[in-house]
C-alpha cells in the first residue's frame, strides 16, 4: 500500500468495544507493514463512561500520535462522540455512525456519512457486544484497505484462548457490516 495516511477516531461508551475495534484496525495495518499508532483514552468508570481511541496507519513515519483537526475517519458509537469529534474530521472525510444510539444526523455536508443500526443489528444477531464488529465491517467496506484473510488473522490474534469461541459470532457481524455498506 502506498500513499496511505489514515487517522481514525473510534469513540463511544465504555463496554461498546471501542478499544477492541481500534486494536483490530491497528493489527490489520501492521499486517500490511504500515506504521501504526494506537492510543486509548477512557474515563475511570470504564463501562458506561466515555471511551475512545485514535489509530493512525501510514506508509510514512507517524510523527505524532495525537489527532487534532485532522481525523480522516470517525466511528461514532454515541451522541457525545459525534458531538465532540464531528468538527475535527477533515473535508471529504468519513463518519460512520451507530444510528441505533446516535439520535441526530451529521450536520456537515462536506463528508461521506454512513449510518449503521449497529446496536439493533447486533441484538438481532444474538449479542449486543458485536456492534463494534458491525462497524468494523462497515469501515473496511468503505475503505477496502484490508482483506478478509487479514481480518480472520486479526480475530485469531485478538480473541485468543477463552475468547476464541466468539470468533464465529464476530466474523458474522463483520461480514454483515461489510454487506450493509455495499447496499448503500
N, C-alpha and C. Protein backbone atom coordinates (compact mmCIF):
# COMPACT_ATOMS: atom_id res chain seq x y z
N UNK A 1 0.84 -1.18 0.00
CA UNK A 1 0.00 0.00 0.00
C UNK A 1 0.89 1.24 0.00
N UNK A 2 0.58 2.16 -0.88
CA UNK A 2 1.31 3.42 -0.91
C UNK A 2 0.35 4.59 -0.78
N UNK A 3 0.88 5.72 -0.36
CA UNK A 3 0.08 6.92 -0.13
C UNK A 3 -1.06 6.67 0.84
N UNK A 4 -0.74 6.01 1.93
CA UNK A 4 -1.73 5.72 2.97
C UNK A 4 -1.41 6.59 4.18
N UNK A 5 -2.39 7.31 4.65
CA UNK A 5 -2.22 8.13 5.85
C UNK A 5 -3.59 8.30 6.51
N UNK A 6 -4.06 7.23 7.12
CA UNK A 6 -5.40 7.20 7.71
C UNK A 6 -5.31 7.56 9.19
N UNK A 7 -6.20 8.48 9.61
CA UNK A 7 -6.24 8.94 11.01
C UNK A 7 -7.67 8.75 11.51
N UNK A 8 -7.85 7.76 12.37
CA UNK A 8 -9.17 7.31 12.78
C UNK A 8 -9.42 7.62 14.25
N UNK A 9 -10.63 8.05 14.55
CA UNK A 9 -11.07 8.18 15.93
C UNK A 9 -12.27 7.25 16.10
N UNK A 10 -12.15 6.29 17.01
CA UNK A 10 -13.26 5.41 17.39
C UNK A 10 -13.71 5.90 18.77
N UNK A 11 -14.99 6.19 18.90
CA UNK A 11 -15.45 6.77 20.16
C UNK A 11 -16.85 6.30 20.52
N UNK A 12 -17.05 6.12 21.83
CA UNK A 12 -18.35 5.69 22.33
C UNK A 12 -18.32 5.58 23.84
N UNK A 13 -19.19 4.72 24.36
CA UNK A 13 -19.24 4.43 25.79
C UNK A 13 -18.33 3.25 26.09
N UNK A 14 -17.78 3.20 27.30
CA UNK A 14 -17.07 2.02 27.73
C UNK A 14 -18.00 0.82 27.69
N UNK A 15 -17.53 -0.31 27.23
CA UNK A 15 -18.36 -1.50 27.13
C UNK A 15 -18.90 -1.75 25.74
N UNK A 16 -18.73 -0.77 24.82
CA UNK A 16 -19.19 -0.95 23.45
C UNK A 16 -18.13 -1.59 22.56
N UNK A 17 -16.96 -1.84 23.08
CA UNK A 17 -15.91 -2.46 22.28
C UNK A 17 -15.11 -1.48 21.45
N UNK A 18 -15.10 -0.22 21.86
CA UNK A 18 -14.39 0.83 21.13
C UNK A 18 -12.89 0.52 21.04
N UNK A 19 -12.29 0.16 22.18
CA UNK A 19 -10.85 -0.08 22.20
C UNK A 19 -10.48 -1.32 21.40
N UNK A 20 -11.29 -2.37 21.49
CA UNK A 20 -11.03 -3.59 20.71
C UNK A 20 -11.13 -3.30 19.22
N UNK A 21 -12.08 -2.48 18.84
CA UNK A 21 -12.23 -2.07 17.44
C UNK A 21 -10.95 -1.41 16.95
N UNK A 22 -10.42 -0.49 17.73
CA UNK A 22 -9.17 0.18 17.37
C UNK A 22 -7.98 -0.76 17.33
N UNK A 23 -7.93 -1.70 18.25
CA UNK A 23 -6.83 -2.67 18.27
C UNK A 23 -6.85 -3.53 17.00
N UNK A 24 -8.02 -3.94 16.58
CA UNK A 24 -8.10 -4.78 15.38
C UNK A 24 -7.70 -4.00 14.14
N UNK A 25 -8.14 -2.75 14.02
CA UNK A 25 -7.71 -1.93 12.89
C UNK A 25 -6.18 -1.79 12.90
N UNK A 26 -5.61 -1.61 14.07
CA UNK A 26 -4.15 -1.49 14.20
C UNK A 26 -3.46 -2.78 13.74
N UNK A 27 -3.97 -3.92 14.16
CA UNK A 27 -3.39 -5.19 13.72
C UNK A 27 -3.45 -5.32 12.20
N UNK A 28 -4.59 -4.97 11.62
CA UNK A 28 -4.74 -5.07 10.17
C UNK A 28 -3.70 -4.21 9.45
N UNK A 29 -3.47 -3.01 9.95
CA UNK A 29 -2.48 -2.13 9.34
C UNK A 29 -1.07 -2.71 9.48
N UNK A 30 -0.79 -3.31 10.62
CA UNK A 30 0.54 -3.92 10.81
C UNK A 30 0.76 -5.07 9.84
N UNK A 31 -0.30 -5.82 9.53
CA UNK A 31 -0.17 -6.92 8.57
C UNK A 31 0.22 -6.40 7.19
N UNK A 32 -0.06 -5.14 6.90
CA UNK A 32 0.33 -4.53 5.62
C UNK A 32 1.64 -3.76 5.73
N UNK A 33 2.39 -4.02 6.81
CA UNK A 33 3.69 -3.38 7.03
C UNK A 33 3.61 -1.86 7.06
N UNK A 34 2.51 -1.35 7.59
CA UNK A 34 2.35 0.09 7.73
C UNK A 34 2.81 0.52 9.12
N UNK A 35 3.17 1.77 9.26
CA UNK A 35 3.48 2.34 10.57
C UNK A 35 2.16 2.59 11.28
N UNK A 36 2.08 2.23 12.56
CA UNK A 36 0.82 2.26 13.28
C UNK A 36 0.99 2.90 14.65
N UNK A 37 -0.01 3.70 15.02
CA UNK A 37 -0.12 4.24 16.37
C UNK A 37 -1.53 3.97 16.85
N UNK A 38 -1.67 3.48 18.09
CA UNK A 38 -2.98 3.26 18.71
C UNK A 38 -2.90 3.82 20.12
N UNK A 39 -3.77 4.76 20.42
CA UNK A 39 -3.78 5.36 21.75
C UNK A 39 -5.19 5.33 22.32
N UNK A 40 -5.38 4.60 23.43
CA UNK A 40 -6.70 4.56 24.07
C UNK A 40 -6.89 5.73 25.04
N UNK A 41 -8.14 6.09 25.26
CA UNK A 41 -8.49 7.10 26.26
C UNK A 41 -9.85 6.71 26.83
N UNK A 42 -9.94 6.62 28.14
CA UNK A 42 -11.21 6.24 28.74
C UNK A 42 -11.30 6.81 30.15
N UNK A 43 -12.53 7.01 30.57
CA UNK A 43 -12.80 7.52 31.91
C UNK A 43 -12.55 6.46 32.96
N UNK A 44 -12.36 6.89 34.17
CA UNK A 44 -12.06 5.96 35.27
C UNK A 44 -13.19 4.97 35.52
N UNK A 45 -14.41 5.35 35.14
CA UNK A 45 -15.55 4.49 35.42
C UNK A 45 -15.66 3.32 34.45
N UNK A 46 -14.89 3.34 33.35
CA UNK A 46 -14.88 2.30 32.32
C UNK A 46 -16.27 2.06 31.75
N UNK A 47 -16.90 0.90 32.03
CA UNK A 47 -18.17 0.55 31.38
C UNK A 47 -19.21 1.64 31.64
N UNK A 48 -19.74 2.18 30.54
CA UNK A 48 -20.73 3.23 30.64
C UNK A 48 -20.15 4.63 30.58
N UNK A 49 -18.87 4.79 30.88
CA UNK A 49 -18.21 6.09 30.77
C UNK A 49 -17.75 6.32 29.34
N UNK A 50 -17.04 7.38 29.12
CA UNK A 50 -16.55 7.66 27.77
C UNK A 50 -15.33 6.81 27.46
N UNK A 51 -15.22 6.44 26.21
CA UNK A 51 -14.04 5.69 25.76
C UNK A 51 -13.79 6.08 24.31
N UNK A 52 -12.54 6.25 23.97
CA UNK A 52 -12.19 6.44 22.57
C UNK A 52 -10.76 6.00 22.35
N UNK A 53 -10.42 5.84 21.12
CA UNK A 53 -9.03 5.55 20.78
C UNK A 53 -8.74 6.16 19.42
N UNK A 54 -7.51 6.58 19.28
CA UNK A 54 -7.07 7.11 17.99
C UNK A 54 -6.14 6.09 17.37
N UNK A 55 -6.29 5.91 16.07
CA UNK A 55 -5.45 4.99 15.31
C UNK A 55 -4.93 5.76 14.12
N UNK A 56 -3.64 5.69 13.93
CA UNK A 56 -3.04 6.24 12.72
C UNK A 56 -2.32 5.09 12.04
N UNK A 57 -2.59 4.90 10.76
CA UNK A 57 -1.76 3.97 9.99
C UNK A 57 -1.33 4.67 8.71
N UNK A 58 -0.05 4.49 8.41
CA UNK A 58 0.54 5.26 7.32
C UNK A 58 1.72 4.52 6.72
N UNK A 59 1.98 4.80 5.44
CA UNK A 59 3.19 4.27 4.82
C UNK A 59 4.39 5.17 5.15
N UNK A 60 4.14 6.27 5.84
CA UNK A 60 5.18 7.17 6.31
C UNK A 60 5.33 7.03 7.81
N UNK A 61 6.40 7.59 8.36
CA UNK A 61 6.55 7.58 9.80
C UNK A 61 5.42 8.39 10.43
N UNK A 62 4.96 7.95 11.58
CA UNK A 62 3.92 8.67 12.31
C UNK A 62 4.64 9.67 13.21
N UNK A 63 4.57 10.94 12.81
CA UNK A 63 5.29 11.99 13.54
C UNK A 63 4.71 12.25 14.91
N UNK A 64 3.39 12.24 15.03
CA UNK A 64 2.72 12.45 16.30
C UNK A 64 1.48 11.56 16.34
N UNK A 65 1.27 10.88 17.44
CA UNK A 65 0.09 10.01 17.54
C UNK A 65 -1.17 10.77 17.96
N UNK A 66 -1.06 12.08 18.13
CA UNK A 66 -2.18 12.89 18.59
C UNK A 66 -3.00 13.39 17.40
N UNK A 67 -4.31 13.16 17.44
CA UNK A 67 -5.20 13.66 16.40
C UNK A 67 -5.77 15.00 16.85
N UNK A 68 -5.66 15.98 15.99
CA UNK A 68 -6.22 17.29 16.30
C UNK A 68 -7.42 17.51 15.38
N UNK A 69 -7.28 18.36 14.39
CA UNK A 69 -8.35 18.61 13.43
C UNK A 69 -8.07 17.91 12.12
N UNK A 70 -7.49 16.72 12.21
CA UNK A 70 -7.07 16.01 11.00
C UNK A 70 -7.58 14.57 10.96
N UNK A 71 -8.71 14.31 11.61
CA UNK A 71 -9.30 12.97 11.60
C UNK A 71 -9.83 12.69 10.20
N UNK A 72 -9.42 11.56 9.62
CA UNK A 72 -9.92 11.19 8.29
C UNK A 72 -11.17 10.31 8.39
N UNK A 73 -11.28 9.55 9.49
CA UNK A 73 -12.46 8.71 9.72
C UNK A 73 -12.85 8.78 11.19
N UNK A 74 -14.13 9.03 11.42
CA UNK A 74 -14.69 8.98 12.77
C UNK A 74 -15.70 7.84 12.81
N UNK A 75 -15.55 6.96 13.78
CA UNK A 75 -16.55 5.93 14.06
C UNK A 75 -17.20 6.33 15.37
N UNK A 76 -18.42 6.87 15.28
CA UNK A 76 -19.13 7.43 16.43
C UNK A 76 -20.20 6.46 16.90
N UNK A 77 -20.03 5.95 18.12
CA UNK A 77 -20.95 4.96 18.64
C UNK A 77 -21.99 5.54 19.59
N UNK A 78 -21.89 6.86 19.89
CA UNK A 78 -22.89 7.51 20.74
C UNK A 78 -22.94 9.01 20.43
N UNK A 79 -23.95 9.69 20.95
CA UNK A 79 -24.13 11.12 20.71
C UNK A 79 -22.94 11.98 21.17
N UNK A 80 -22.44 11.80 22.39
CA UNK A 80 -21.32 12.64 22.82
C UNK A 80 -20.10 12.53 21.89
N UNK A 81 -19.88 11.36 21.32
CA UNK A 81 -18.75 11.16 20.42
C UNK A 81 -18.93 11.94 19.12
N UNK A 82 -20.12 11.88 18.56
CA UNK A 82 -20.38 12.64 17.35
C UNK A 82 -20.29 14.14 17.64
N UNK A 83 -20.86 14.56 18.76
CA UNK A 83 -20.80 15.97 19.13
C UNK A 83 -19.36 16.46 19.30
N UNK A 84 -18.55 15.65 19.93
CA UNK A 84 -17.17 16.06 20.24
C UNK A 84 -16.25 16.05 19.02
N UNK A 85 -16.41 15.08 18.13
CA UNK A 85 -15.40 14.89 17.08
C UNK A 85 -15.85 15.27 15.66
N UNK A 86 -17.13 15.50 15.42
CA UNK A 86 -17.59 15.79 14.05
C UNK A 86 -16.81 16.93 13.40
N UNK A 87 -16.61 18.01 14.12
CA UNK A 87 -15.93 19.18 13.54
C UNK A 87 -14.43 18.97 13.34
N UNK A 88 -13.89 17.89 13.87
CA UNK A 88 -12.46 17.62 13.73
C UNK A 88 -12.14 16.70 12.55
N UNK A 89 -13.17 16.28 11.82
CA UNK A 89 -12.97 15.42 10.65
C UNK A 89 -12.64 16.31 9.45
N UNK A 90 -11.64 15.89 8.67
CA UNK A 90 -11.22 16.68 7.51
C UNK A 90 -12.30 16.69 6.43
N UNK A 91 -12.29 17.71 5.61
CA UNK A 91 -13.20 17.80 4.47
C UNK A 91 -13.05 16.53 3.63
N UNK A 92 -14.17 15.98 3.17
CA UNK A 92 -14.23 14.75 2.40
C UNK A 92 -13.88 13.51 3.23
N UNK A 93 -13.80 13.66 4.55
CA UNK A 93 -13.55 12.53 5.43
C UNK A 93 -14.80 11.65 5.55
N UNK A 94 -14.68 10.62 6.37
CA UNK A 94 -15.74 9.63 6.55
C UNK A 94 -16.19 9.62 8.00
N UNK A 95 -17.51 9.59 8.20
CA UNK A 95 -18.07 9.36 9.54
C UNK A 95 -19.00 8.16 9.44
N UNK A 96 -18.75 7.17 10.30
CA UNK A 96 -19.63 6.01 10.42
C UNK A 96 -20.35 6.16 11.76
N UNK A 97 -21.67 6.17 11.72
CA UNK A 97 -22.50 6.47 12.88
C UNK A 97 -23.29 5.23 13.29
N UNK A 98 -23.25 4.91 14.58
CA UNK A 98 -24.13 3.88 15.13
C UNK A 98 -25.50 4.53 15.31
N UNK A 99 -26.32 4.44 14.28
CA UNK A 99 -27.60 5.14 14.28
C UNK A 99 -28.65 4.51 15.19
N UNK A 100 -28.34 3.38 15.81
CA UNK A 100 -29.23 2.82 16.83
C UNK A 100 -29.22 3.69 18.08
N UNK A 101 -28.08 4.33 18.34
CA UNK A 101 -27.90 5.10 19.57
C UNK A 101 -27.81 6.60 19.29
N UNK A 102 -27.12 6.97 18.24
CA UNK A 102 -26.95 8.39 17.91
C UNK A 102 -28.29 8.91 17.39
N UNK A 103 -28.79 9.93 18.04
CA UNK A 103 -30.15 10.41 17.75
C UNK A 103 -30.20 11.57 16.76
N UNK A 104 -29.07 12.01 16.27
CA UNK A 104 -29.08 13.11 15.31
C UNK A 104 -28.29 12.73 14.06
N UNK A 105 -28.50 13.50 13.02
CA UNK A 105 -27.77 13.32 11.78
C UNK A 105 -26.50 14.16 11.83
N UNK A 106 -25.52 13.78 11.04
CA UNK A 106 -24.30 14.57 10.89
C UNK A 106 -24.69 15.90 10.26
N UNK A 107 -24.20 16.99 10.83
CA UNK A 107 -24.56 18.33 10.37
C UNK A 107 -23.80 18.75 9.12
N UNK A 108 -22.57 18.34 9.00
CA UNK A 108 -21.72 18.79 7.89
C UNK A 108 -22.11 18.10 6.59
N UNK A 109 -22.00 18.84 5.51
CA UNK A 109 -22.36 18.34 4.18
C UNK A 109 -21.14 18.00 3.34
N UNK A 110 -19.93 18.23 3.88
CA UNK A 110 -18.70 18.01 3.12
C UNK A 110 -18.01 16.70 3.49
N UNK A 111 -18.80 15.74 3.99
CA UNK A 111 -18.27 14.46 4.45
C UNK A 111 -19.04 13.31 3.83
N UNK A 112 -18.39 12.14 3.78
CA UNK A 112 -19.10 10.91 3.46
C UNK A 112 -19.64 10.38 4.79
N UNK A 113 -20.92 10.07 4.86
CA UNK A 113 -21.53 9.61 6.10
C UNK A 113 -22.24 8.29 5.86
N UNK A 114 -22.02 7.34 6.76
CA UNK A 114 -22.67 6.04 6.71
C UNK A 114 -23.37 5.82 8.05
N UNK A 115 -24.65 5.54 7.99
CA UNK A 115 -25.43 5.25 9.19
C UNK A 115 -25.68 3.74 9.26
N UNK A 116 -25.26 3.13 10.36
CA UNK A 116 -25.43 1.69 10.58
C UNK A 116 -26.16 1.50 11.91
N UNK A 117 -27.27 0.78 11.91
CA UNK A 117 -28.01 0.47 13.15
C UNK A 117 -27.29 -0.64 13.91
N UNK A 118 -26.06 -0.37 14.31
CA UNK A 118 -25.18 -1.41 14.84
C UNK A 118 -25.73 -2.10 16.10
N UNK A 119 -26.23 -1.33 17.03
CA UNK A 119 -26.72 -1.94 18.27
C UNK A 119 -27.94 -2.81 18.01
N UNK A 120 -28.87 -2.30 17.19
CA UNK A 120 -30.08 -3.07 16.88
C UNK A 120 -29.74 -4.35 16.11
N UNK A 121 -28.86 -4.24 15.12
CA UNK A 121 -28.49 -5.41 14.32
C UNK A 121 -27.73 -6.42 15.17
N UNK A 122 -26.84 -5.93 16.04
CA UNK A 122 -26.11 -6.84 16.93
C UNK A 122 -27.07 -7.60 17.84
N UNK A 123 -28.09 -6.92 18.31
CA UNK A 123 -29.11 -7.56 19.15
C UNK A 123 -29.84 -8.64 18.35
N UNK A 124 -30.19 -8.33 17.09
CA UNK A 124 -30.84 -9.31 16.23
C UNK A 124 -29.94 -10.51 15.97
N UNK A 125 -28.63 -10.28 15.90
CA UNK A 125 -27.68 -11.38 15.69
C UNK A 125 -27.48 -12.21 16.95
N UNK A 126 -27.99 -11.72 18.08
CA UNK A 126 -27.93 -12.51 19.31
C UNK A 126 -26.94 -12.05 20.35
N UNK A 127 -26.19 -10.97 20.06
CA UNK A 127 -25.23 -10.50 21.06
C UNK A 127 -24.91 -9.03 20.80
N UNK A 128 -25.35 -8.17 21.68
CA UNK A 128 -25.14 -6.73 21.52
C UNK A 128 -23.65 -6.37 21.47
N UNK A 129 -22.81 -7.24 22.00
CA UNK A 129 -21.37 -6.95 22.07
C UNK A 129 -20.67 -6.99 20.71
N UNK A 130 -21.35 -7.44 19.66
CA UNK A 130 -20.71 -7.47 18.34
C UNK A 130 -20.99 -6.21 17.54
N UNK A 131 -21.60 -5.20 18.17
CA UNK A 131 -21.86 -3.95 17.45
C UNK A 131 -20.57 -3.34 16.92
N UNK A 132 -19.48 -3.49 17.65
CA UNK A 132 -18.21 -2.94 17.18
C UNK A 132 -17.71 -3.65 15.92
N UNK A 133 -17.99 -4.95 15.80
CA UNK A 133 -17.55 -5.69 14.62
C UNK A 133 -18.41 -5.34 13.40
N UNK A 134 -19.67 -4.99 13.63
CA UNK A 134 -20.51 -4.48 12.54
C UNK A 134 -19.91 -3.19 11.99
N UNK A 135 -19.49 -2.32 12.89
CA UNK A 135 -18.89 -1.04 12.48
C UNK A 135 -17.53 -1.25 11.84
N UNK A 136 -16.78 -2.23 12.33
CA UNK A 136 -15.50 -2.57 11.68
C UNK A 136 -15.74 -3.02 10.25
N UNK A 137 -16.72 -3.90 10.06
CA UNK A 137 -17.06 -4.35 8.71
C UNK A 137 -17.47 -3.20 7.81
N UNK A 138 -18.22 -2.26 8.36
CA UNK A 138 -18.63 -1.09 7.59
C UNK A 138 -17.41 -0.24 7.21
N UNK A 139 -16.49 -0.07 8.15
CA UNK A 139 -15.28 0.70 7.87
C UNK A 139 -14.46 0.04 6.75
N UNK A 140 -14.22 -1.26 6.89
CA UNK A 140 -13.43 -1.99 5.87
C UNK A 140 -14.18 -1.96 4.54
N UNK A 141 -15.49 -2.07 4.57
CA UNK A 141 -16.27 -1.99 3.34
C UNK A 141 -16.13 -0.66 2.64
N UNK A 142 -16.00 0.41 3.42
CA UNK A 142 -15.82 1.75 2.83
C UNK A 142 -14.40 1.98 2.34
N UNK A 143 -13.43 1.49 3.07
CA UNK A 143 -12.02 1.79 2.77
C UNK A 143 -11.33 0.75 1.90
N UNK A 144 -11.72 -0.50 2.00
CA UNK A 144 -11.13 -1.59 1.20
C UNK A 144 -9.61 -1.69 1.34
N UNK A 145 -9.09 -1.32 2.51
CA UNK A 145 -7.64 -1.39 2.72
C UNK A 145 -7.17 -2.78 3.15
N UNK A 146 -8.09 -3.64 3.58
CA UNK A 146 -7.70 -4.92 4.16
C UNK A 146 -8.54 -6.06 3.60
N UNK A 147 -8.01 -7.27 3.68
CA UNK A 147 -8.69 -8.44 3.13
C UNK A 147 -9.39 -9.23 4.23
N UNK A 148 -10.30 -10.09 3.83
CA UNK A 148 -10.99 -10.96 4.78
C UNK A 148 -9.99 -11.89 5.46
N UNK A 149 -9.01 -12.33 4.73
CA UNK A 149 -7.98 -13.21 5.31
C UNK A 149 -7.24 -12.48 6.45
N UNK A 150 -6.96 -11.20 6.25
CA UNK A 150 -6.30 -10.43 7.30
C UNK A 150 -7.23 -10.25 8.50
N UNK A 151 -8.50 -10.03 8.25
CA UNK A 151 -9.47 -9.88 9.34
C UNK A 151 -9.53 -11.17 10.16
N UNK A 152 -9.60 -12.30 9.48
CA UNK A 152 -9.63 -13.59 10.19
C UNK A 152 -8.37 -13.78 11.04
N UNK A 153 -7.24 -13.38 10.51
CA UNK A 153 -5.97 -13.47 11.26
C UNK A 153 -6.02 -12.56 12.49
N UNK A 154 -6.53 -11.34 12.32
CA UNK A 154 -6.62 -10.40 13.45
C UNK A 154 -7.56 -10.93 14.52
N UNK A 155 -8.69 -11.53 14.11
CA UNK A 155 -9.62 -12.10 15.08
C UNK A 155 -8.94 -13.20 15.89
N UNK A 156 -8.18 -14.05 15.22
CA UNK A 156 -7.48 -15.13 15.92
C UNK A 156 -6.46 -14.58 16.91
N UNK A 157 -5.82 -13.48 16.53
CA UNK A 157 -4.82 -12.88 17.42
C UNK A 157 -5.49 -12.15 18.59
N UNK A 158 -6.58 -11.46 18.33
CA UNK A 158 -7.26 -10.68 19.37
C UNK A 158 -8.09 -11.56 20.30
N UNK A 159 -8.77 -12.54 19.74
CA UNK A 159 -9.68 -13.38 20.53
C UNK A 159 -9.03 -14.75 20.77
N UNK A 160 -8.05 -14.77 21.64
CA UNK A 160 -7.31 -15.99 21.95
C UNK A 160 -7.99 -16.76 23.08
N UNK A 161 -7.56 -17.98 23.24
CA UNK A 161 -7.95 -18.86 24.34
C UNK A 161 -9.43 -18.80 24.69
N UNK A 162 -9.77 -18.24 25.84
CA UNK A 162 -11.16 -18.28 26.31
C UNK A 162 -12.11 -17.46 25.43
N UNK A 163 -11.58 -16.52 24.65
CA UNK A 163 -12.42 -15.69 23.78
C UNK A 163 -12.52 -16.24 22.36
N UNK A 164 -11.82 -17.33 22.07
CA UNK A 164 -11.83 -17.90 20.72
C UNK A 164 -13.22 -18.34 20.29
N UNK A 165 -14.05 -18.70 21.24
CA UNK A 165 -15.42 -19.13 20.92
C UNK A 165 -16.24 -17.99 20.30
N UNK A 166 -15.79 -16.74 20.48
CA UNK A 166 -16.52 -15.60 19.95
C UNK A 166 -16.14 -15.26 18.50
N UNK A 167 -15.14 -15.92 17.95
CA UNK A 167 -14.69 -15.61 16.59
C UNK A 167 -15.81 -15.79 15.56
N UNK A 168 -16.55 -16.90 15.55
CA UNK A 168 -17.61 -17.04 14.54
C UNK A 168 -18.66 -15.93 14.62
N UNK A 169 -19.07 -15.57 15.82
CA UNK A 169 -20.07 -14.53 16.00
C UNK A 169 -19.53 -13.16 15.53
N UNK A 170 -18.27 -12.87 15.87
CA UNK A 170 -17.66 -11.62 15.43
C UNK A 170 -17.48 -11.59 13.91
N UNK A 171 -17.14 -12.74 13.33
CA UNK A 171 -16.98 -12.83 11.88
C UNK A 171 -18.31 -12.59 11.18
N UNK A 172 -19.38 -13.17 11.71
CA UNK A 172 -20.71 -12.97 11.13
C UNK A 172 -21.09 -11.49 11.16
N UNK A 173 -20.84 -10.83 12.31
CA UNK A 173 -21.17 -9.41 12.45
C UNK A 173 -20.32 -8.57 11.50
N UNK A 174 -19.05 -8.89 11.39
CA UNK A 174 -18.16 -8.17 10.48
C UNK A 174 -18.68 -8.25 9.04
N UNK A 175 -19.00 -9.45 8.61
CA UNK A 175 -19.49 -9.65 7.24
C UNK A 175 -20.82 -8.91 7.01
N UNK A 176 -21.66 -8.89 8.01
CA UNK A 176 -22.93 -8.16 7.91
C UNK A 176 -22.66 -6.67 7.75
N UNK A 177 -21.71 -6.15 8.51
CA UNK A 177 -21.34 -4.74 8.41
C UNK A 177 -20.82 -4.39 7.02
N UNK A 178 -20.00 -5.27 6.46
CA UNK A 178 -19.50 -5.04 5.10
C UNK A 178 -20.65 -5.05 4.09
N UNK A 179 -21.54 -6.01 4.24
CA UNK A 179 -22.66 -6.13 3.31
C UNK A 179 -23.57 -4.91 3.38
N UNK A 180 -23.77 -4.37 4.56
CA UNK A 180 -24.62 -3.19 4.71
C UNK A 180 -24.07 -1.99 3.93
N UNK A 181 -22.76 -1.84 3.95
CA UNK A 181 -22.13 -0.72 3.23
C UNK A 181 -22.26 -0.94 1.73
N UNK A 182 -22.13 -2.18 1.29
CA UNK A 182 -22.24 -2.47 -0.15
C UNK A 182 -23.64 -2.18 -0.68
N UNK A 183 -24.64 -2.25 0.21
CA UNK A 183 -26.03 -1.99 -0.17
C UNK A 183 -26.32 -0.51 -0.35
N UNK A 184 -25.48 0.34 0.27
CA UNK A 184 -25.72 1.78 0.25
C UNK A 184 -25.35 2.38 -1.09
